[in-house]
Protein backbone atom coordinates (compact mmCIF):
# COMPACT_ATOMS: atom_id res chain seq x y z
CA MET A 1 -3.64 -48.03 -5.08
CA SER A 2 -2.89 -47.19 -1.47
CA ALA A 3 -2.14 -49.94 0.86
CA LEU A 4 -1.36 -50.63 4.42
CA THR A 5 0.73 -53.88 5.40
CA ILE A 6 1.39 -54.46 9.19
CA PHE A 7 4.14 -56.65 10.36
CA SER A 8 5.66 -57.56 13.70
CA ASP A 9 8.84 -55.75 14.32
CA LYS A 10 10.43 -59.09 14.91
CA GLU A 11 9.25 -60.91 11.75
CA ALA A 12 9.49 -59.07 8.42
CA SER A 13 8.64 -62.14 6.31
CA GLU A 14 4.97 -62.65 7.28
CA PRO A 15 2.55 -59.72 7.39
CA GLN A 16 -0.08 -59.75 10.28
CA TRP A 17 -2.62 -57.58 8.14
CA HIS A 18 -2.97 -56.09 4.77
CA SER A 19 -5.41 -53.89 3.01
CA THR A 20 -6.05 -51.58 0.00
CA ASP A 21 -9.36 -50.19 1.26
CA PRO A 22 -8.90 -46.56 2.33
CA GLU A 23 -11.38 -46.72 5.09
CA ALA A 24 -9.84 -49.70 6.62
CA ILE A 25 -6.25 -48.08 6.31
CA GLN A 26 -7.58 -45.00 7.94
CA GLN A 27 -9.14 -46.91 10.95
CA GLN A 28 -5.78 -48.98 11.42
CA LEU A 29 -3.72 -45.89 11.43
CA ASN A 30 -5.91 -43.61 13.35
CA ALA A 31 -6.06 -46.24 16.01
CA ARG A 32 -2.14 -45.89 16.30
CA GLY A 33 -2.32 -42.01 16.31
CA VAL A 34 -1.34 -41.56 12.66
CA ARG A 35 -3.50 -39.33 10.51
CA PHE A 36 -4.45 -40.73 7.01
CA GLU A 37 -6.85 -38.80 4.56
CA ARG A 38 -7.73 -38.74 0.79
CA TRP A 39 -7.78 -35.33 -0.56
CA GLU A 40 -9.03 -34.23 -3.99
CA ALA A 41 -7.95 -31.22 -5.93
CA ASP A 42 -10.43 -28.77 -7.27
CA ARG A 43 -8.63 -28.75 -10.76
CA ASP A 44 -6.58 -31.04 -13.06
CA LEU A 45 -2.96 -30.40 -12.42
CA GLY A 46 -1.57 -32.57 -15.21
CA ARG A 47 1.84 -34.37 -15.02
CA ASP A 48 4.71 -32.71 -13.16
CA PRO A 49 2.77 -29.66 -12.01
CA ALA A 50 4.50 -26.41 -10.98
CA PRO A 51 4.70 -25.83 -7.30
CA ASP A 52 2.41 -22.72 -7.41
CA ALA A 53 -0.42 -24.76 -9.16
CA VAL A 54 0.05 -27.55 -6.55
CA ILE A 55 -0.43 -25.03 -3.57
CA ASN A 56 -3.26 -23.26 -5.23
CA ALA A 57 -5.16 -26.52 -5.78
CA TYR A 58 -4.90 -27.59 -2.14
CA GLN A 59 -4.71 -24.26 -0.37
CA HIS A 60 -8.14 -24.94 1.09
CA ALA A 61 -7.16 -28.18 2.65
CA ILE A 62 -3.80 -26.75 3.77
CA ASP A 63 -5.64 -23.83 5.52
CA ARG A 64 -7.71 -26.43 7.33
CA LEU A 65 -4.79 -28.19 8.71
CA VAL A 66 -2.93 -24.83 9.57
CA ALA A 67 -6.10 -23.85 11.53
CA GLU A 68 -6.42 -27.26 13.32
CA LYS A 69 -2.72 -27.89 14.09
CA GLY A 70 -0.92 -24.46 13.82
CA TYR A 71 1.42 -25.50 11.09
CA GLN A 72 3.69 -22.73 9.95
CA SER A 73 4.99 -23.51 6.53
CA TRP A 74 4.58 -25.70 3.43
CA ASP A 75 6.25 -26.41 0.24
CA VAL A 76 6.17 -28.79 -2.72
CA ILE A 77 8.79 -31.43 -3.39
CA SER A 78 9.18 -33.38 -6.63
CA LEU A 79 11.56 -36.18 -7.37
CA ARG A 80 12.09 -38.00 -10.69
CA ALA A 81 13.85 -41.15 -11.73
CA ASP A 82 16.45 -38.72 -13.74
CA ASN A 83 17.59 -37.00 -10.71
CA PRO A 84 21.30 -37.53 -10.35
CA GLN A 85 21.16 -37.68 -6.56
CA LYS A 86 18.36 -40.19 -6.32
CA GLU A 87 20.30 -43.03 -4.90
CA ALA A 88 21.89 -40.79 -2.15
CA LEU A 89 18.43 -39.28 -1.17
CA ARG A 90 16.78 -42.86 -0.97
CA ALA A 91 19.65 -44.08 1.19
CA LYS A 92 19.16 -41.09 3.57
CA PHE A 93 15.48 -41.65 4.03
CA LEU A 94 15.79 -45.42 4.46
CA ASN A 95 17.40 -44.96 7.76
CA GLU A 96 14.88 -45.11 10.74
CA HIS A 97 14.56 -41.76 12.29
CA THR A 98 12.13 -39.51 14.27
CA HIS A 99 11.32 -35.78 14.18
CA GLY A 100 10.38 -33.32 16.82
CA GLU A 101 7.47 -32.27 14.82
CA ASP A 102 4.73 -34.23 12.86
CA GLU A 103 5.85 -35.32 9.41
CA VAL A 104 2.98 -34.28 7.22
CA ARG A 105 3.01 -35.29 3.47
CA PHE A 106 0.39 -35.15 0.86
CA PHE A 107 0.84 -37.00 -2.32
CA VAL A 108 -0.21 -35.06 -5.43
CA GLU A 109 1.08 -37.60 -7.94
CA GLY A 110 3.33 -40.68 -7.81
CA ALA A 111 3.93 -42.73 -4.81
CA GLY A 112 6.12 -43.47 -1.77
CA LEU A 113 6.25 -46.09 1.12
CA PHE A 114 6.18 -44.76 4.70
CA CYS A 115 7.30 -47.28 7.24
CA LEU A 116 6.26 -46.63 10.75
CA HIS A 117 7.86 -48.42 13.84
CA ILE A 118 4.88 -48.12 16.40
CA ASP A 119 5.34 -50.33 19.57
CA ASP A 120 5.81 -53.78 18.36
CA GLN A 121 4.73 -53.33 14.79
CA VAL A 122 5.96 -52.00 11.49
CA CYS A 123 3.12 -50.33 9.51
CA GLN A 124 4.09 -49.96 5.81
CA VAL A 125 1.83 -47.31 4.16
CA LEU A 126 2.09 -47.21 0.50
CA CYS A 127 0.85 -43.53 -0.09
CA GLU A 128 -0.20 -42.67 -3.63
CA LYS A 129 -2.02 -39.82 -5.37
CA ASN A 130 -4.52 -37.99 -2.98
CA ASP A 131 -3.10 -39.53 0.15
CA LEU A 132 -2.37 -37.44 3.24
CA ILE A 133 -0.24 -38.98 5.98
CA SER A 134 0.71 -37.24 9.26
CA VAL A 135 3.32 -39.29 11.23
CA PRO A 136 3.20 -38.06 14.84
CA ALA A 137 6.34 -36.27 16.27
CA GLY A 138 8.71 -38.85 17.96
CA THR A 139 7.32 -41.77 15.89
CA PRO A 140 10.33 -43.91 14.55
CA HIS A 141 9.81 -44.39 10.85
CA TRP A 142 11.70 -44.44 7.32
CA PHE A 143 10.66 -43.52 3.78
CA ASP A 144 11.16 -45.35 0.62
CA MET A 145 10.96 -43.60 -2.72
CA GLY A 146 11.94 -46.55 -4.77
CA SER A 147 14.91 -46.97 -7.20
CA GLU A 148 13.08 -45.02 -9.81
CA PRO A 149 11.33 -42.16 -7.88
CA ASN A 150 8.30 -40.40 -9.29
CA PHE A 151 6.28 -38.31 -6.96
CA THR A 152 5.09 -34.80 -6.10
CA ALA A 153 4.17 -34.00 -2.59
CA ILE A 154 3.22 -31.19 -0.26
CA ARG A 155 5.25 -31.09 2.75
CA ILE A 156 3.73 -29.28 5.82
CA PHE A 157 5.71 -28.21 8.80
CA ASP A 158 5.30 -26.69 12.19
CA ASN A 159 9.09 -25.93 12.35
CA PRO A 160 10.16 -23.22 9.91
CA GLU A 161 13.47 -24.99 9.44
CA GLY A 162 11.56 -27.77 7.70
CA TRP A 163 12.87 -31.40 7.78
CA VAL A 164 15.04 -32.13 10.67
CA ALA A 165 15.68 -35.89 11.52
CA GLN A 166 17.16 -37.60 14.61
CA PHE A 167 18.39 -40.92 13.40
CA THR A 168 17.95 -43.89 15.74
CA GLY A 169 20.81 -46.05 14.72
CA ASP A 170 18.49 -49.08 14.54
CA ALA A 171 19.03 -51.12 11.41
CA ILE A 172 15.34 -52.42 11.37
CA ALA A 173 14.63 -50.94 8.04
CA ASP A 174 16.97 -53.27 6.39
CA ALA A 175 14.73 -56.28 7.20
CA TYR A 176 11.44 -55.04 5.59
CA PRO A 177 10.23 -54.98 1.97
CA ARG A 178 11.14 -51.91 -0.12
CA LEU A 179 9.59 -50.55 -3.17
CA PRO A 180 11.22 -51.81 -6.40
């Protein structure tokens, strides 16, 4: 179940707000300039779908975003618990960073935790199947895939080079809850 938990950026032990209601999550994130939507596939993709099947199932929604925002490329990423690089990949994404472009992810299956450092708050967004999140360019954030990652997501870019991070050097991510 998707969830949003909001903390002060000074106090990681006591949430200020929490909800699992998709409409409430969308309202809270939209108010902070973060896009959050729920998409549905037009067919059953099964477990661990092939990248082409994923793109075909969601091409209509991707086309809508491309027309609206001018994105240039997209791909599919899958990560499983048996990946020998899972610990190194998790560690890389757990450091606070920004991007010069929006970070757009749609979860086809599985889950991941986006943590957004916006003004004086940390918004932890548990994204699961059917969740689209678009973190605006320049927003400090980190991502936790958990110790046993299991997800497939569509990544949408306006930079043909793909994922390019500028790490902030701030250790704030170490203070906040992570996925098990």
